[in-house]
Amino acid sequence: MLRRARNVKIETERLTLRPPVHSDFRQWAALRLTSRDFLQPWEPTWAVDHLTRKSFTNRVYWAQRSIRSGTAVPVFLIRKEDQSLVGAITLDHIRRGPAQAGTTGYWIGEPFARHGYMREAIEGLVHYAFTELDLSRIEAACLPENKASRALLEKSGYKYEGVAQSYLQIAGRWRTHVLYANLRSDRRGKTEVG
């Protein structure tokens, strides 16, 4: 059965995962700016206009189109206790038919790192992907030296699958990544998050 996300809202213990909206701009820009040095070693080079309202508006419209078309589920992580934006996660490159797969990418603001928020978000999104979107495989990739991200994926039920040479441009150059996957049929992975 091919299911598409419509009104995406994923609740976890401490977070609400929901698509970005225009009113998120100031919080998003401030968090990205204060976390720049923390994030940039692991991300594609930021465009000159990365932190502008126009760029953010385009991001919001892309999120809306992607959810409507069923190609991606981009969501912000909103902390329930104070409505703070703590980061974002995207289930992207959703492939239907025989693949029934997607790819996760994520970032967290430096002040919120190592508090378990991203693990909670990943587990919530994976559960949503398996139960609501009927996907079978969720993939992720990170730089080999990104020990925090590798540990996060492994603790979240992803299994190491190998290496992809020159996989993505990070900080302006082609970088090799390690590949992970979380399989719905793999009972060793955690998929029963609610």
C-alpha atoms as a PDB file:
ATOM      1  CA  MET A   1       0.000   0.000   0.000  1.00  0.00           C
ATOM      2  CA  LEU A   2       1.419   3.391  -0.985  1.00  0.00           C
ATOM      3  CA  ARG A   3       0.774   5.891   1.772  1.00  0.00           C
ATOM      4  CA  ARG A   4       1.777   9.521   1.732  1.00  0.00           C
ATOM      5  CA  ALA A   5       2.301  11.967   4.551  1.00  0.00           C
ATOM      6  CA  ARG A   6      -0.380  14.652   4.694  1.00  0.00           C
ATOM      7  CA  ASN A   7      -0.647  16.373   8.045  1.00  0.00           C
ATOM      8  CA  VAL A   8       2.676  15.411   9.533  1.00  0.00           C
ATOM      9  CA  LYS A   9       2.920  15.715  13.311  1.00  0.00           C
ATOM     10  CA  ILE A  10       4.945  13.203  15.278  1.00  0.00           C
ATOM     11  CA  GLU A  11       4.845  13.292  19.058  1.00  0.00           C
ATOM     12  CA  THR A  12       7.627  11.828  21.193  1.00  0.00           C
ATOM     13  CA  GLU A  13       8.138  12.116  24.933  1.00  0.00           C
ATOM     14  CA  ARG A  14       9.817  15.543  24.844  1.00  0.00           C
ATOM     15  CA  LEU A  15       9.392  16.685  21.241  1.00  0.00           C
ATOM     16  CA  THR A  16       6.879  17.554  18.574  1.00  0.00           C
ATOM     17  CA  LEU A  17       8.179  16.875  15.070  1.00  0.00           C
ATOM     18  CA  ARG A  18       6.360  19.045  12.546  1.00  0.00           C
ATOM     19  CA  PRO A  19       7.099  20.756   9.226  1.00  0.00           C
ATOM     20  CA  PRO A  20       8.736  24.195   9.315  1.00  0.00           C
ATOM     21  CA  VAL A  21       6.462  27.235   9.093  1.00  0.00           C
ATOM     22  CA  HIS A  22       7.280  30.826   8.171  1.00  0.00           C
ATOM     23  CA  SER A  23       7.127  32.001  11.803  1.00  0.00           C
ATOM     24  CA  ASP A  24      10.065  29.669  12.647  1.00  0.00           C
ATOM     25  CA  PHE A  25      12.496  31.866  10.738  1.00  0.00           C
ATOM     26  CA  ARG A  26      13.995  33.879  13.605  1.00  0.00           C
ATOM     27  CA  GLN A  27      14.485  30.873  15.876  1.00  0.00           C
ATOM     28  CA  TRP A  28      15.930  28.815  13.012  1.00  0.00           C
ATOM     29  CA  ALA A  29      18.335  31.535  11.845  1.00  0.00           C
ATOM     30  CA  ALA A  30      19.509  32.258  15.405  1.00  0.00           C
ATOM     31  CA  LEU A  31      20.095  28.578  16.186  1.00  0.00           C
ATOM     32  CA  ARG A  32      21.929  27.930  12.926  1.00  0.00           C
ATOM     33  CA  LEU A  33      24.080  31.040  13.424  1.00  0.00           C
ATOM     34  CA  THR A  34      25.053  30.226  17.021  1.00  0.00           C
ATOM     35  CA  SER A  35      25.732  26.603  15.988  1.00  0.00           C
ATOM     36  CA  ARG A  36      27.671  27.441  12.805  1.00  0.00           C
ATOM     37  CA  ASP A  37      31.091  26.192  13.971  1.00  0.00           C
ATOM     38  CA  PHE A  38      29.490  23.082  15.462  1.00  0.00           C
ATOM     39  CA  LEU A  39      27.559  22.205  12.261  1.00  0.00           C
ATOM     40  CA  GLN A  40      29.711  23.259   9.331  1.00  0.00           C
ATOM     41  CA  PRO A  41      32.340  20.476   9.512  1.00  0.00           C
ATOM     42  CA  TRP A  42      29.549  17.931   8.864  1.00  0.00           C
ATOM     43  CA  GLU A  43      27.356  19.764   6.327  1.00  0.00           C
ATOM     44  CA  PRO A  44      27.483  20.864   2.700  1.00  0.00           C
ATOM     45  CA  THR A  45      28.904  24.380   2.347  1.00  0.00           C
ATOM     46  CA  TRP A  46      26.287  26.956   3.281  1.00  0.00           C
ATOM     47  CA  ALA A  47      25.117  29.197   0.447  1.00  0.00           C
ATOM     48  CA  VAL A  48      25.861  32.916   0.830  1.00  0.00           C
ATOM     49  CA  ASP A  49      22.159  33.527   1.523  1.00  0.00           C
ATOM     50  CA  HIS A  50      21.754  30.483   3.820  1.00  0.00           C
ATOM     51  CA  LEU A  51      20.495  32.449   6.826  1.00  0.00           C
ATOM     52  CA  THR A  52      18.227  34.886   4.939  1.00  0.00           C
ATOM     53  CA  ARG A  53      14.455  35.050   5.221  1.00  0.00           C
ATOM     54  CA  LYS A  54      14.141  34.411   1.452  1.00  0.00           C
ATOM     55  CA  SER A  55      16.194  31.218   1.711  1.00  0.00           C
ATOM     56  CA  PHE A  56      14.115  30.081   4.690  1.00  0.00           C
ATOM     57  CA  THR A  57      10.861  30.855   2.830  1.00  0.00           C
ATOM     58  CA  ASN A  58      12.060  28.653  -0.032  1.00  0.00           C
ATOM     59  CA  ARG A  59      12.830  25.919   2.527  1.00  0.00           C
ATOM     60  CA  VAL A  60       9.274  26.125   3.919  1.00  0.00           C
ATOM     61  CA  TYR A  61       7.733  25.893   0.438  1.00  0.00           C
ATOM     62  CA  TRP A  62      10.017  22.970  -0.455  1.00  0.00           C
ATOM     63  CA  ALA A  63       8.886  21.179   2.716  1.00  0.00           C
ATOM     64  CA  GLN A  64       5.214  21.708   1.850  1.00  0.00           C
ATOM     65  CA  ARG A  65       5.665  20.469  -1.735  1.00  0.00           C
ATOM     66  CA  SER A  66       7.737  17.471  -0.627  1.00  0.00           C
ATOM     67  CA  ILE A  67       5.172  16.348   1.931  1.00  0.00           C
ATOM     68  CA  ARG A  68       2.309  16.793  -0.550  1.00  0.00           C
ATOM     69  CA  SER A  69       4.113  14.824  -3.259  1.00  0.00           C
ATOM     70  CA  GLY A  70       5.294  12.121  -0.852  1.00  0.00           C
ATOM     71  CA  THR A  71       8.980  12.557  -1.720  1.00  0.00           C
ATOM     72  CA  ALA A  72      10.201  13.779   1.692  1.00  0.00           C
ATOM     73  CA  VAL A  73       9.126  14.454   5.272  1.00  0.00           C
ATOM     74  CA  PRO A  74      11.149  17.449   6.531  1.00  0.00           C
ATOM     75  CA  VAL A  75      10.358  18.292  10.165  1.00  0.00           C
ATOM     76  CA  PHE A  76      11.618  20.582  12.883  1.00  0.00           C
ATOM     77  CA  LEU A  77      12.221  19.297  16.401  1.00  0.00           C
ATOM     78  CA  ILE A  78      10.218  21.470  18.795  1.00  0.00           C
ATOM     79  CA  ARG A  79      10.844  20.941  22.510  1.00  0.00           C
ATOM     80  CA  LYS A  80       7.461  20.626  24.210  1.00  0.00           C
ATOM     81  CA  GLU A  81       8.435  22.247  27.511  1.00  0.00           C
ATOM     82  CA  ASP A  82       9.186  25.674  25.990  1.00  0.00           C
ATOM     83  CA  GLN A  83       8.504  25.419  22.217  1.00  0.00           C
ATOM     84  CA  SER A  84      12.222  25.858  21.447  1.00  0.00           C
ATOM     85  CA  LEU A  85      13.504  24.723  18.085  1.00  0.00           C
ATOM     86  CA  VAL A  86      16.303  22.255  18.829  1.00  0.00           C
ATOM     87  CA  GLY A  87      17.097  20.917  15.330  1.00  0.00           C
ATOM     88  CA  ALA A  88      15.633  19.255  12.268  1.00  0.00           C
ATOM     89  CA  ILE A  89      15.392  15.858  10.623  1.00  0.00           C
ATOM     90  CA  THR A  90      14.326  14.946   7.111  1.00  0.00           C
ATOM     91  CA  LEU A  91      13.209  11.658   5.664  1.00  0.00           C
ATOM     92  CA  ASP A  92      14.196  12.375   2.065  1.00  0.00           C
ATOM     93  CA  HIS A  93      14.514  10.596  -1.264  1.00  0.00           C
ATOM     94  CA  ILE A  94      11.450   8.462  -0.520  1.00  0.00           C
ATOM     95  CA  ARG A  95      11.337   5.680  -3.084  1.00  0.00           C
ATOM     96  CA  ARG A  96       8.194   3.647  -3.658  1.00  0.00           C
ATOM     97  CA  GLY A  97       7.552   0.487  -5.634  1.00  0.00           C
ATOM     98  CA  PRO A  98       9.901  -2.382  -4.885  1.00  0.00           C
ATOM     99  CA  ALA A  99      12.262  -0.197  -2.795  1.00  0.00           C
ATOM    100  CA  GLN A 100       9.894   1.326  -0.197  1.00  0.00           C
ATOM    101  CA  ALA A 101      12.862   3.234   1.219  1.00  0.00           C
ATOM    102  CA  GLY A 102      14.029   6.679   2.278  1.00  0.00           C
ATOM    103  CA  THR A 103      17.106   8.455   3.613  1.00  0.00           C
ATOM    104  CA  THR A 104      17.431  10.360   6.882  1.00  0.00           C
ATOM    105  CA  GLY A 105      19.476  13.489   7.366  1.00  0.00           C
ATOM    106  CA  TYR A 106      19.528  15.592  10.514  1.00  0.00           C
ATOM    107  CA  TRP A 107      21.142  18.403  12.467  1.00  0.00           C
ATOM    108  CA  ILE A 108      20.872  19.635  16.043  1.00  0.00           C
ATOM    109  CA  GLY A 109      21.732  23.012  17.502  1.00  0.00           C
ATOM    110  CA  GLU A 110      24.876  22.974  19.616  1.00  0.00           C
ATOM    111  CA  PRO A 111      23.104  23.993  22.866  1.00  0.00           C
ATOM    112  CA  PHE A 112      20.846  20.928  22.536  1.00  0.00           C
ATOM    113  CA  ALA A 113      23.442  18.349  21.517  1.00  0.00           C
ATOM    114  CA  ARG A 114      24.043  15.278  23.682  1.00  0.00           C
ATOM    115  CA  HIS A 115      20.728  15.510  25.528  1.00  0.00           C
ATOM    116  CA  GLY A 116      19.075  12.620  23.658  1.00  0.00           C
ATOM    117  CA  TYR A 117      16.802  14.832  21.542  1.00  0.00           C
ATOM    118  CA  MET A 118      18.051  13.593  18.184  1.00  0.00           C
ATOM    119  CA  ARG A 119      17.854   9.949  19.189  1.00  0.00           C
ATOM    120  CA  GLU A 120      14.262  10.536  20.287  1.00  0.00           C
ATOM    121  CA  ALA A 121      13.520  12.282  16.976  1.00  0.00           C
ATOM    122  CA  ILE A 122      15.158   9.577  14.843  1.00  0.00           C
ATOM    123  CA  GLU A 123      13.276   6.805  16.623  1.00  0.00           C
ATOM    124  CA  GLY A 124       9.996   8.721  16.266  1.00  0.00           C
ATOM    125  CA  LEU A 125      10.535   9.399  12.562  1.00  0.00           C
ATOM    126  CA  VAL A 126      11.608   5.814  11.832  1.00  0.00           C
ATOM    127  CA  HIS A 127       8.504   4.497  13.597  1.00  0.00           C
ATOM    128  CA  TYR A 128       6.373   6.923  11.554  1.00  0.00           C
ATOM    129  CA  ALA A 129       8.087   5.834   8.327  1.00  0.00           C
ATOM    130  CA  PHE A 130       7.495   2.154   9.020  1.00  0.00           C
ATOM    131  CA  THR A 131       3.930   2.385  10.351  1.00  0.00           C
ATOM    132  CA  GLU A 132       2.386   5.398   8.596  1.00  0.00           C
ATOM    133  CA  LEU A 133       4.317   5.502   5.317  1.00  0.00           C
ATOM    134  CA  ASP A 134       4.756   1.733   5.004  1.00  0.00           C
ATOM    135  CA  LEU A 135       8.454   2.024   4.213  1.00  0.00           C
ATOM    136  CA  SER A 136      10.699  -0.982   4.638  1.00  0.00           C
ATOM    137  CA  ARG A 137      14.184   0.562   4.755  1.00  0.00           C
ATOM    138  CA  ILE A 138      15.543   3.816   6.155  1.00  0.00           C
ATOM    139  CA  GLU A 139      19.090   4.731   5.201  1.00  0.00           C
ATOM    140  CA  ALA A 140      21.587   7.221   6.644  1.00  0.00           C
ATOM    141  CA  ALA A 141      25.164   8.238   5.925  1.00  0.00           C
ATOM    142  CA  CYS A 142      27.776  10.172   7.854  1.00  0.00           C
ATOM    143  CA  LEU A 143      31.456  10.977   7.746  1.00  0.00           C
ATOM    144  CA  PRO A 144      33.599   8.146   9.154  1.00  0.00           C
ATOM    145  CA  GLU A 145      35.180  10.433  11.756  1.00  0.00           C
ATOM    146  CA  ASN A 146      31.798  11.694  13.020  1.00  0.00           C
ATOM    147  CA  LYS A 147      31.802   9.418  16.046  1.00  0.00           C
ATOM    148  CA  ALA A 148      28.800  11.113  17.657  1.00  0.00           C
ATOM    149  CA  SER A 149      26.600  10.575  14.588  1.00  0.00           C
ATOM    150  CA  ARG A 150      27.752   6.994  14.134  1.00  0.00           C
ATOM    151  CA  ALA A 151      26.977   6.183  17.779  1.00  0.00           C
ATOM    152  CA  LEU A 152      23.605   7.917  17.477  1.00  0.00           C
ATOM    153  CA  LEU A 153      22.625   5.842  14.448  1.00  0.00           C
ATOM    154  CA  GLU A 154      23.743   2.594  16.074  1.00  0.00           C
ATOM    155  CA  LYS A 155      21.844   3.381  19.293  1.00  0.00           C
ATOM    156  CA  SER A 156      18.769   4.205  17.166  1.00  0.00           C
ATOM    157  CA  GLY A 157      18.638   0.775  15.523  1.00  0.00           C
ATOM    158  CA  TYR A 158      20.646   1.441  12.359  1.00  0.00           C
ATOM    159  CA  LYS A 159      23.185  -1.151  11.254  1.00  0.00           C
ATOM    160  CA  TYR A 160      26.477  -0.412   9.504  1.00  0.00           C
ATOM    161  CA  GLU A 161      26.390  -1.497   5.855  1.00  0.00           C
ATOM    162  CA  GLY A 162      29.555  -0.193   4.246  1.00  0.00           C
ATOM    163  CA  VAL A 163      31.347   2.749   2.670  1.00  0.00           C
ATOM    164  CA  ALA A 164      30.429   5.047  -0.230  1.00  0.00           C
ATOM    165  CA  GLN A 165      33.396   6.754  -1.869  1.00  0.00           C
ATOM    166  CA  SER A 166      32.980  10.481  -2.684  1.00  0.00           C
ATOM    167  CA  TYR A 167      29.369  10.282  -1.503  1.00  0.00           C
ATOM    168  CA  LEU A 168      28.589  13.949  -0.736  1.00  0.00           C
ATOM    169  CA  GLN A 169      30.277  17.327  -0.852  1.00  0.00           C
ATOM    170  CA  ILE A 170      30.890  18.377   2.744  1.00  0.00           C
ATOM    171  CA  ALA A 171      32.575  21.670   3.602  1.00  0.00           C
ATOM    172  CA  GLY A 172      33.361  22.143  -0.092  1.00  0.00           C
ATOM    173  CA  ARG A 173      34.951  18.802  -1.011  1.00  0.00           C
ATOM    174  CA  TRP A 174      33.813  15.309  -1.969  1.00  0.00           C
ATOM    175  CA  ARG A 175      33.856  13.081   1.076  1.00  0.00           C
ATOM    176  CA  THR A 176      33.595   9.355   1.638  1.00  0.00           C
ATOM    177  CA  HIS A 177      30.760   8.349   3.989  1.00  0.00           C
ATOM    178  CA  VAL A 178      29.850   5.309   6.023  1.00  0.00           C
ATOM    179  CA  LEU A 179      26.403   3.894   5.282  1.00  0.00           C
ATOM    180  CA  TYR A 180      23.792   2.661   7.734  1.00  0.00           C
ATOM    181  CA  ALA A 181      20.275   1.268   7.392  1.00  0.00           C
ATOM    182  CA  ASN A 182      17.334   0.566   9.660  1.00  0.00           C
ATOM    183  CA  LEU A 183      15.082  -2.215   8.369  1.00  0.00           C
ATOM    184  CA  ARG A 184      11.457  -2.699   9.340  1.00  0.00           C
ATOM    185  CA  SER A 185      11.935  -6.464   9.307  1.00  0.00           C
ATOM    186  CA  ASP A 186      15.079  -6.297  11.460  1.00  0.00           C
ATOM    187  CA  ARG A 187      13.788  -6.999  14.957  1.00  0.00           C
ATOM    188  CA  ARG A 188      17.163  -6.034  16.439  1.00  0.00           C
ATOM    189  CA  GLY A 189      16.359  -2.396  15.521  1.00  0.00           C
ATOM    190  CA  LYS A 190      14.016  -0.277  17.612  1.00  0.00           C
ATOM    191  CA  THR A 191      10.828   0.403  15.709  1.00  0.00           C
ATOM    192  CA  GLU A 192       8.208   0.212  18.437  1.00  0.00           C
ATOM    193  CA  VAL A 193       8.538   3.839  19.558  1.00  0.00           C
ATOM    194  CA  GLY A 194       5.252   5.596  20.177  1.00  0.00           C
END
